[in-house]
PDB file of all heavy atoms in Angstrom:
ATOM      1  N   ALA A   1       0.838  -1.187   0.000  1.00  0.00           N
ATOM      2  CA  ALA A   1       0.000   0.000   0.000  1.00  0.00           C
ATOM      3  C   ALA A   1       0.877   1.242   0.000  1.00  0.00           C
ATOM      4  O   ALA A   1       2.036   1.196   0.412  1.00  0.00           O
ATOM      5  CB  ALA A   1      -0.925   0.011   1.216  1.00  0.00           C
ATOM      6  N   GLN A   2       0.323   2.331  -0.470  1.00  0.00           N
ATOM      7  CA  GLN A   2       1.017   3.616  -0.418  1.00  0.00           C
ATOM      8  C   GLN A   2       0.712   4.323   0.893  1.00  0.00           C
ATOM      9  O   GLN A   2      -0.315   4.073   1.527  1.00  0.00           O
ATOM     10  CB  GLN A   2       0.606   4.500  -1.587  1.00  0.00           C
ATOM     11  CG  GLN A   2       1.090   4.019  -2.939  1.00  0.00           C
ATOM     12  CD  GLN A   2       0.786   4.999  -4.045  1.00  0.00           C
ATOM     13  OE1 GLN A   2      -0.302   5.558  -4.110  1.00  0.00           O
ATOM     14  NE2 GLN A   2       1.756   5.221  -4.917  1.00  0.00           N
ATOM     15  N   ALA A   3       1.611   5.183   1.305  1.00  0.00           N
ATOM     16  CA  ALA A   3       1.371   5.984   2.497  1.00  0.00           C
ATOM     17  C   ALA A   3       0.037   6.716   2.364  1.00  0.00           C
ATOM     18  O   ALA A   3      -0.267   7.297   1.322  1.00  0.00           O
ATOM     19  CB  ALA A   3       2.505   6.978   2.710  1.00  0.00           C
ATOM     20  N   GLY A   4      -0.752   6.662   3.426  1.00  0.00           N
ATOM     21  CA  GLY A   4      -2.076   7.254   3.409  1.00  0.00           C
ATOM     22  C   GLY A   4      -3.171   6.312   2.968  1.00  0.00           C
ATOM     23  O   GLY A   4      -4.359   6.645   3.112  1.00  0.00           O
ATOM     24  N   GLY A   5      -2.800   5.146   2.468  1.00  0.00           N
ATOM     25  CA  GLY A   5      -3.772   4.179   2.004  1.00  0.00           C
ATOM     26  C   GLY A   5      -4.293   3.288   3.113  1.00  0.00           C
ATOM     27  O   GLY A   5      -4.004   3.490   4.298  1.00  0.00           O
ATOM     28  N   SER A   6      -5.053   2.272   2.715  1.00  0.00           N
ATOM     29  CA  SER A   6      -5.708   1.379   3.671  1.00  0.00           C
ATOM     30  C   SER A   6      -5.542  -0.076   3.269  1.00  0.00           C
ATOM     31  O   SER A   6      -5.422  -0.403   2.087  1.00  0.00           O
ATOM     32  CB  SER A   6      -7.203   1.698   3.770  1.00  0.00           C
ATOM     33  OG  SER A   6      -7.434   3.009   4.241  1.00  0.00           O
ATOM     34  N   LEU A   7      -5.538  -0.936   4.264  1.00  0.00           N
ATOM     35  CA  LEU A   7      -5.587  -2.374   4.092  1.00  0.00           C
ATOM     36  C   LEU A   7      -6.446  -2.952   5.202  1.00  0.00           C
ATOM     37  O   LEU A   7      -6.510  -2.391   6.295  1.00  0.00           O
ATOM     38  CB  LEU A   7      -4.197  -3.009   4.153  1.00  0.00           C
ATOM     39  CG  LEU A   7      -3.253  -2.822   2.972  1.00  0.00           C
ATOM     40  CD1 LEU A   7      -1.873  -3.366   3.326  1.00  0.00           C
ATOM     41  CD2 LEU A   7      -3.789  -3.510   1.733  1.00  0.00           C
ATOM     42  N   LYS A   8      -7.079  -4.084   4.921  1.00  0.00           N
ATOM     43  CA  LYS A   8      -7.848  -4.787   5.940  1.00  0.00           C
ATOM     44  C   LYS A   8      -7.331  -6.215   6.047  1.00  0.00           C
ATOM     45  O   LYS A   8      -7.387  -6.973   5.081  1.00  0.00           O
ATOM     46  CB  LYS A   8      -9.340  -4.794   5.609  1.00  0.00           C
ATOM     47  CG  LYS A   8     -10.193  -5.372   6.731  1.00  0.00           C
ATOM     48  CD  LYS A   8     -11.682  -5.220   6.447  1.00  0.00           C
ATOM     49  CE  LYS A   8     -12.528  -5.702   7.607  1.00  0.00           C
ATOM     50  NZ  LYS A   8     -13.980  -5.500   7.360  1.00  0.00           N
ATOM     51  N   LEU A   9      -6.841  -6.563   7.220  1.00  0.00           N
ATOM     52  CA  LEU A   9      -6.343  -7.897   7.485  1.00  0.00           C
ATOM     53  C   LEU A   9      -7.437  -8.755   8.102  1.00  0.00           C
ATOM     54  O   LEU A   9      -8.283  -8.257   8.848  1.00  0.00           O
ATOM     55  CB  LEU A   9      -5.143  -7.851   8.433  1.00  0.00           C
ATOM     56  CG  LEU A   9      -3.983  -6.938   8.044  1.00  0.00           C
ATOM     57  CD1 LEU A   9      -2.854  -7.073   9.053  1.00  0.00           C
ATOM     58  CD2 LEU A   9      -3.502  -7.246   6.639  1.00  0.00           C
ATOM     59  N   SER A  10      -7.402 -10.038   7.798  1.00  0.00           N
ATOM     60  CA  SER A  10      -8.328 -10.996   8.380  1.00  0.00           C
ATOM     61  C   SER A  10      -7.549 -12.125   9.026  1.00  0.00           C
ATOM     62  O   SER A  10      -6.461 -12.476   8.583  1.00  0.00           O
ATOM     63  CB  SER A  10      -9.265 -11.573   7.315  1.00  0.00           C
ATOM     64  OG  SER A  10     -10.068 -10.578   6.729  1.00  0.00           O
ATOM     65  N   CYS A  11      -8.103 -12.681  10.074  1.00  0.00           N
ATOM     66  CA  CYS A  11      -7.528 -13.831  10.749  1.00  0.00           C
ATOM     67  C   CYS A  11      -8.646 -14.834  10.981  1.00  0.00           C
ATOM     68  O   CYS A  11      -9.561 -14.570  11.773  1.00  0.00           O
ATOM     69  CB  CYS A  11      -6.884 -13.424  12.068  1.00  0.00           C
ATOM     70  SG  CYS A  11      -6.300 -14.810  13.072  1.00  0.00           S
ATOM     71  N   ALA A  12      -8.566 -15.964  10.304  1.00  0.00           N
ATOM     72  CA  ALA A  12      -9.571 -17.012  10.420  1.00  0.00           C
ATOM     73  C   ALA A  12      -9.078 -18.084  11.380  1.00  0.00           C
ATOM     74  O   ALA A  12      -7.964 -18.579  11.246  1.00  0.00           O
ATOM     75  CB  ALA A  12      -9.871 -17.619   9.059  1.00  0.00           C
ATOM     76  N   ALA A  13      -9.920 -18.459  12.332  1.00  0.00           N
ATOM     77  CA  ALA A  13      -9.575 -19.445  13.343  1.00  0.00           C
ATOM     78  C   ALA A  13     -10.336 -20.735  13.118  1.00  0.00           C
ATOM     79  O   ALA A  13     -11.503 -20.723  12.713  1.00  0.00           O
ATOM     80  CB  ALA A  13      -9.872 -18.909  14.741  1.00  0.00           C
ATOM     81  N   SER A  14      -9.673 -21.851  13.411  1.00  0.00           N
ATOM     82  CA  SER A  14     -10.289 -23.157  13.228  1.00  0.00           C
ATOM     83  C   SER A  14     -10.996 -23.668  14.476  1.00  0.00           C
ATOM     84  O   SER A  14     -11.784 -24.594  14.397  1.00  0.00           O
ATOM     85  CB  SER A  14      -9.232 -24.177  12.797  1.00  0.00           C
ATOM     86  OG  SER A  14      -8.260 -24.363  13.811  1.00  0.00           O
ATOM     87  N   GLY A  15     -10.719 -23.101  15.634  1.00  0.00           N
ATOM     88  CA  GLY A  15     -11.286 -23.583  16.882  1.00  0.00           C
ATOM     89  C   GLY A  15     -12.791 -23.403  16.957  1.00  0.00           C
ATOM     90  O   GLY A  15     -13.352 -22.445  16.420  1.00  0.00           O
ATOM     91  N   ARG A  16     -13.437 -24.324  17.662  1.00  0.00           N
ATOM     92  CA  ARG A  16     -14.890 -24.265  17.804  1.00  0.00           C
ATOM     93  C   ARG A  16     -15.333 -23.415  18.987  1.00  0.00           C
ATOM     94  O   ARG A  16     -16.532 -23.195  19.157  1.00  0.00           O
ATOM     95  CB  ARG A  16     -15.456 -25.676  17.927  1.00  0.00           C
ATOM     96  CG  ARG A  16     -15.228 -26.542  16.694  1.00  0.00           C
ATOM     97  CD  ARG A  16     -16.147 -27.736  16.672  1.00  0.00           C
ATOM     98  NE  ARG A  16     -15.917 -28.628  17.794  1.00  0.00           N
ATOM     99  CZ  ARG A  16     -16.647 -29.712  18.037  1.00  0.00           C
ATOM    100  NH1 ARG A  16     -17.648 -30.028  17.237  1.00  0.00           N
ATOM    101  NH2 ARG A  16     -16.373 -30.473  19.096  1.00  0.00           N
ATOM    102  N   THR A  17     -14.380 -22.947  19.786  1.00  0.00           N
ATOM    103  CA  THR A  17     -14.686 -22.087  20.925  1.00  0.00           C
ATOM    104  C   THR A  17     -14.097 -20.699  20.727  1.00  0.00           C
ATOM    105  O   THR A  17     -13.685 -20.050  21.682  1.00  0.00           O
ATOM    106  CB  THR A  17     -14.171 -22.709  22.234  1.00  0.00           C
ATOM    107  OG1 THR A  17     -12.762 -22.950  22.141  1.00  0.00           O
ATOM    108  CG2 THR A  17     -14.889 -24.012  22.513  1.00  0.00           C
ATOM    109  N   PHE A  18     -14.064 -20.235  19.496  1.00  0.00           N
ATOM    110  CA  PHE A  18     -13.491 -18.934  19.153  1.00  0.00           C
ATOM    111  C   PHE A  18     -14.121 -17.816  19.971  1.00  0.00           C
ATOM    112  O   PHE A  18     -13.451 -16.849  20.336  1.00  0.00           O
ATOM    113  CB  PHE A  18     -13.672 -18.670  17.662  1.00  0.00           C
ATOM    114  CG  PHE A  18     -13.181 -17.314  17.223  1.00  0.00           C
ATOM    115  CD1 PHE A  18     -11.837 -17.073  17.048  1.00  0.00           C
ATOM    116  CD2 PHE A  18     -14.082 -16.287  16.988  1.00  0.00           C
ATOM    117  CE1 PHE A  18     -11.380 -15.831  16.637  1.00  0.00           C
ATOM    118  CE2 PHE A  18     -13.642 -15.041  16.569  1.00  0.00           C
ATOM    119  CZ  PHE A  18     -12.284 -14.814  16.396  1.00  0.00           C
ATOM    120  N   ARG A  19     -15.395 -17.939  20.271  1.00  0.00           N
ATOM    121  CA  ARG A  19     -16.096 -16.885  21.000  1.00  0.00           C
ATOM    122  C   ARG A  19     -15.443 -16.581  22.342  1.00  0.00           C
ATOM    123  O   ARG A  19     -15.545 -15.455  22.833  1.00  0.00           O
ATOM    124  CB  ARG A  19     -17.557 -17.286  21.200  1.00  0.00           C
ATOM    125  CG  ARG A  19     -18.384 -16.267  21.973  1.00  0.00           C
ATOM    126  CD  ARG A  19     -19.831 -16.677  22.077  1.00  0.00           C
ATOM    127  NE  ARG A  19     -20.479 -16.694  20.780  1.00  0.00           N
ATOM    128  CZ  ARG A  19     -21.038 -15.633  20.206  1.00  0.00           C
ATOM    129  NH1 ARG A  19     -21.034 -14.458  20.828  1.00  0.00           N
ATOM    130  NH2 ARG A  19     -21.605 -15.743  19.016  1.00  0.00           N
ATOM    131  N   SER A  20     -14.762 -17.554  22.935  1.00  0.00           N
ATOM    132  CA  SER A  20     -14.157 -17.374  24.246  1.00  0.00           C
ATOM    133  C   SER A  20     -12.746 -16.798  24.192  1.00  0.00           C
ATOM    134  O   SER A  20     -12.177 -16.508  25.241  1.00  0.00           O
ATOM    135  CB  SER A  20     -14.123 -18.705  24.999  1.00  0.00           C
ATOM    136  OG  SER A  20     -13.221 -19.609  24.388  1.00  0.00           O
ATOM    137  N   TYR A  21     -12.183 -16.619  23.012  1.00  0.00           N
ATOM    138  CA  TYR A  21     -10.789 -16.203  22.893  1.00  0.00           C
ATOM    139  C   TYR A  21     -10.633 -14.696  22.997  1.00  0.00           C
ATOM    140  O   TYR A  21     -11.412 -13.930  22.419  1.00  0.00           O
ATOM    141  CB  TYR A  21     -10.194 -16.651  21.561  1.00  0.00           C
ATOM    142  CG  TYR A  21     -10.269 -18.128  21.266  1.00  0.00           C
ATOM    143  CD1 TYR A  21     -10.081 -18.579  19.964  1.00  0.00           C
ATOM    144  CD2 TYR A  21     -10.515 -19.060  22.256  1.00  0.00           C
ATOM    145  CE1 TYR A  21     -10.137 -19.922  19.667  1.00  0.00           C
ATOM    146  CE2 TYR A  21     -10.577 -20.409  21.963  1.00  0.00           C
ATOM    147  CZ  TYR A  21     -10.386 -20.834  20.666  1.00  0.00           C
ATOM    148  OH  TYR A  21     -10.452 -22.170  20.364  1.00  0.00           O
ATOM    149  N   PHE A  22      -9.610 -14.280  23.720  1.00  0.00           N
ATOM    150  CA  PHE A  22      -9.118 -12.913  23.671  1.00  0.00           C
ATOM    151  C   PHE A  22      -8.125 -12.859  22.515  1.00  0.00           C
ATOM    152  O   PHE A  22      -7.155 -13.618  22.489  1.00  0.00           O
ATOM    153  CB  PHE A  22      -8.443 -12.561  24.999  1.00  0.00           C
ATOM    154  CG  PHE A  22      -7.937 -11.163  25.096  1.00  0.00           C
ATOM    155  CD1 PHE A  22      -8.774 -10.129  25.484  1.00  0.00           C
ATOM    156  CD2 PHE A  22      -6.609 -10.866  24.831  1.00  0.00           C
ATOM    157  CE1 PHE A  22      -8.307  -8.833  25.596  1.00  0.00           C
ATOM    158  CE2 PHE A  22      -6.129  -9.577  24.941  1.00  0.00           C
ATOM    159  CZ  PHE A  22      -6.994  -8.552  25.324  1.00  0.00           C
ATOM    160  N   MET A  23      -8.360 -12.007  21.540  1.00  0.00           N
ATOM    161  CA  MET A  23      -7.584 -11.999  20.311  1.00  0.00           C
ATOM    162  C   MET A  23      -6.727 -10.748  20.194  1.00  0.00           C
ATOM    163  O   MET A  23      -7.151  -9.653  20.576  1.00  0.00           O
ATOM    164  CB  MET A  23      -8.508 -12.087  19.090  1.00  0.00           C
ATOM    165  CG  MET A  23      -9.371 -13.334  19.055  1.00  0.00           C
ATOM    166  SD  MET A  23      -8.390 -14.852  18.864  1.00  0.00           S
ATOM    167  CE  MET A  23      -7.636 -14.562  17.254  1.00  0.00           C
ATOM    168  N   GLY A  24      -5.541 -10.928  19.639  1.00  0.00           N
ATOM    169  CA  GLY A  24      -4.634  -9.807  19.465  1.00  0.00           C
ATOM    170  C   GLY A  24      -3.968  -9.803  18.105  1.00  0.00           C
ATOM    171  O   GLY A  24      -3.876 -10.832  17.426  1.00  0.00           O
ATOM    172  N   TRP A  25      -3.526  -8.621  17.707  1.00  0.00           N
ATOM    173  CA  TRP A  25      -2.684  -8.435  16.526  1.00  0.00           C
ATOM    174  C   TRP A  25      -1.337  -7.900  16.970  1.00  0.00           C
ATOM    175  O   TRP A  25      -1.266  -6.982  17.803  1.00  0.00           O
ATOM    176  CB  TRP A  25      -3.308  -7.452  15.534  1.00  0.00           C
ATOM    177  CG  TRP A  25      -4.446  -7.991  14.725  1.00  0.00           C
ATOM    178  CD1 TRP A  25      -5.771  -7.825  14.960  1.00  0.00           C
ATOM    179  CD2 TRP A  25      -4.342  -8.769  13.535  1.00  0.00           C
ATOM    180  NE1 TRP A  25      -6.510  -8.446  13.991  1.00  0.00           N
ATOM    181  CE2 TRP A  25      -5.652  -9.042  13.093  1.00  0.00           C
ATOM    182  CE3 TRP A  25      -3.275  -9.261  12.786  1.00  0.00           C
ATOM    183  CZ2 TRP A  25      -5.934  -9.784  11.948  1.00  0.00           C
ATOM    184  CZ3 TRP A  25      -3.542 -10.006  11.649  1.00  0.00           C
ATOM    185  CH2 TRP A  25      -4.856 -10.255  11.238  1.00  0.00           C
ATOM    186  N   PHE A  26      -0.277  -8.470  16.412  1.00  0.00           N
ATOM    187  CA  PHE A  26       1.087  -8.038  16.648  1.00  0.00           C
ATOM    188  C   PHE A  26       1.768  -7.810  15.311  1.00  0.00           C
ATOM    189  O   PHE A  26       1.288  -8.261  14.272  1.00  0.00           O
ATOM    190  CB  PHE A  26       1.865  -9.079  17.454  1.00  0.00           C
ATOM    191  CG  PHE A  26       1.414  -9.209  18.882  1.00  0.00           C
ATOM    192  CD1 PHE A  26       0.249  -9.877  19.200  1.00  0.00           C
ATOM    193  CD2 PHE A  26       2.164  -8.661  19.907  1.00  0.00           C
ATOM    194  CE1 PHE A  26      -0.172  -9.999  20.507  1.00  0.00           C
ATOM    195  CE2 PHE A  26       1.754  -8.783  21.227  1.00  0.00           C
ATOM    196  CZ  PHE A  26       0.590  -9.443  21.530  1.00  0.00           C
ATOM    197  N   ARG A  27       2.889  -7.123  15.343  1.00  0.00           N
ATOM    198  CA  ARG A  27       3.668  -6.943  14.125  1.00  0.00           C
ATOM    199  C   ARG A  27       5.146  -6.995  14.460  1.00  0.00           C
ATOM    200  O   ARG A  27       5.567  -6.706  15.579  1.00  0.00           O
ATOM    201  CB  ARG A  27       3.319  -5.636  13.417  1.00  0.00           C
ATOM    202  CG  ARG A  27       3.694  -4.377  14.183  1.00  0.00           C
ATOM    203  CD  ARG A  27       3.136  -3.153  13.475  1.00  0.00           C
ATOM    204  NE  ARG A  27       3.513  -1.914  14.135  1.00  0.00           N
ATOM    205  CZ  ARG A  27       3.059  -0.715  13.796  1.00  0.00           C
ATOM    206  NH1 ARG A  27       2.197  -0.597  12.785  1.00  0.00           N
ATOM    207  NH2 ARG A  27       3.456   0.363  14.456  1.00  0.00           N
ATOM    208  N   GLN A  28       5.930  -7.356  13.456  1.00  0.00           N
ATOM    209  CA  GLN A  28       7.372  -7.448  13.621  1.00  0.00           C
ATOM    210  C   GLN A  28       8.052  -6.928  12.366  1.00  0.00           C
ATOM    211  O   GLN A  28       7.943  -7.533  11.297  1.00  0.00           O
ATOM    212  CB  GLN A  28       7.807  -8.881  13.903  1.00  0.00           C
ATOM    213  CG  GLN A  28       9.281  -9.022  14.235  1.00  0.00           C
ATOM    214  CD  GLN A  28       9.614 -10.397  14.772  1.00  0.00           C
ATOM    215  OE1 GLN A  28       8.841 -11.342  14.614  1.00  0.00           O
ATOM    216  NE2 GLN A  28      10.757 -10.514  15.414  1.00  0.00           N
ATOM    217  N   GLY A  29       8.723  -5.793  12.499  1.00  0.00           N
ATOM    218  CA  GLY A  29       9.485  -5.245  11.401  1.00  0.00           C
ATOM    219  C   GLY A  29      10.819  -5.938  11.274  1.00  0.00           C
ATOM    220  O   GLY A  29      11.273  -6.644  12.170  1.00  0.00           O
ATOM    221  N   SER A  30      11.464  -5.733  10.142  1.00  0.00           N
ATOM    222  CA  SER A  30      12.751  -6.358   9.882  1.00  0.00           C
ATOM    223  C   SER A  30      13.772  -5.944  10.936  1.00  0.00           C
ATOM    224  O   SER A  30      13.985  -4.752  11.176  1.00  0.00           O
ATOM    225  CB  SER A  30      13.241  -5.966   8.494  1.00  0.00           C
ATOM    226  OG  SER A  30      14.492  -6.542   8.212  1.00  0.00           O
ATOM    227  N   GLY A  31      14.383  -6.924  11.577  1.00  0.00           N
ATOM    228  CA  GLY A  31      15.391  -6.651  12.587  1.00  0.00           C
ATOM    229  C   GLY A  31      14.861  -6.121  13.897  1.00  0.00           C
ATOM    230  O   GLY A  31      15.648  -5.676  14.740  1.00  0.00           O
TER     231      GLY A  31
END
């Protein structure tokens, strides 16, 4: 994406008790 643009990330889970999960997003840049 270009600076100022947008993206939407999705995370699909296989568990049948997903409703009970506390969910987080993390990121890791190079180095």
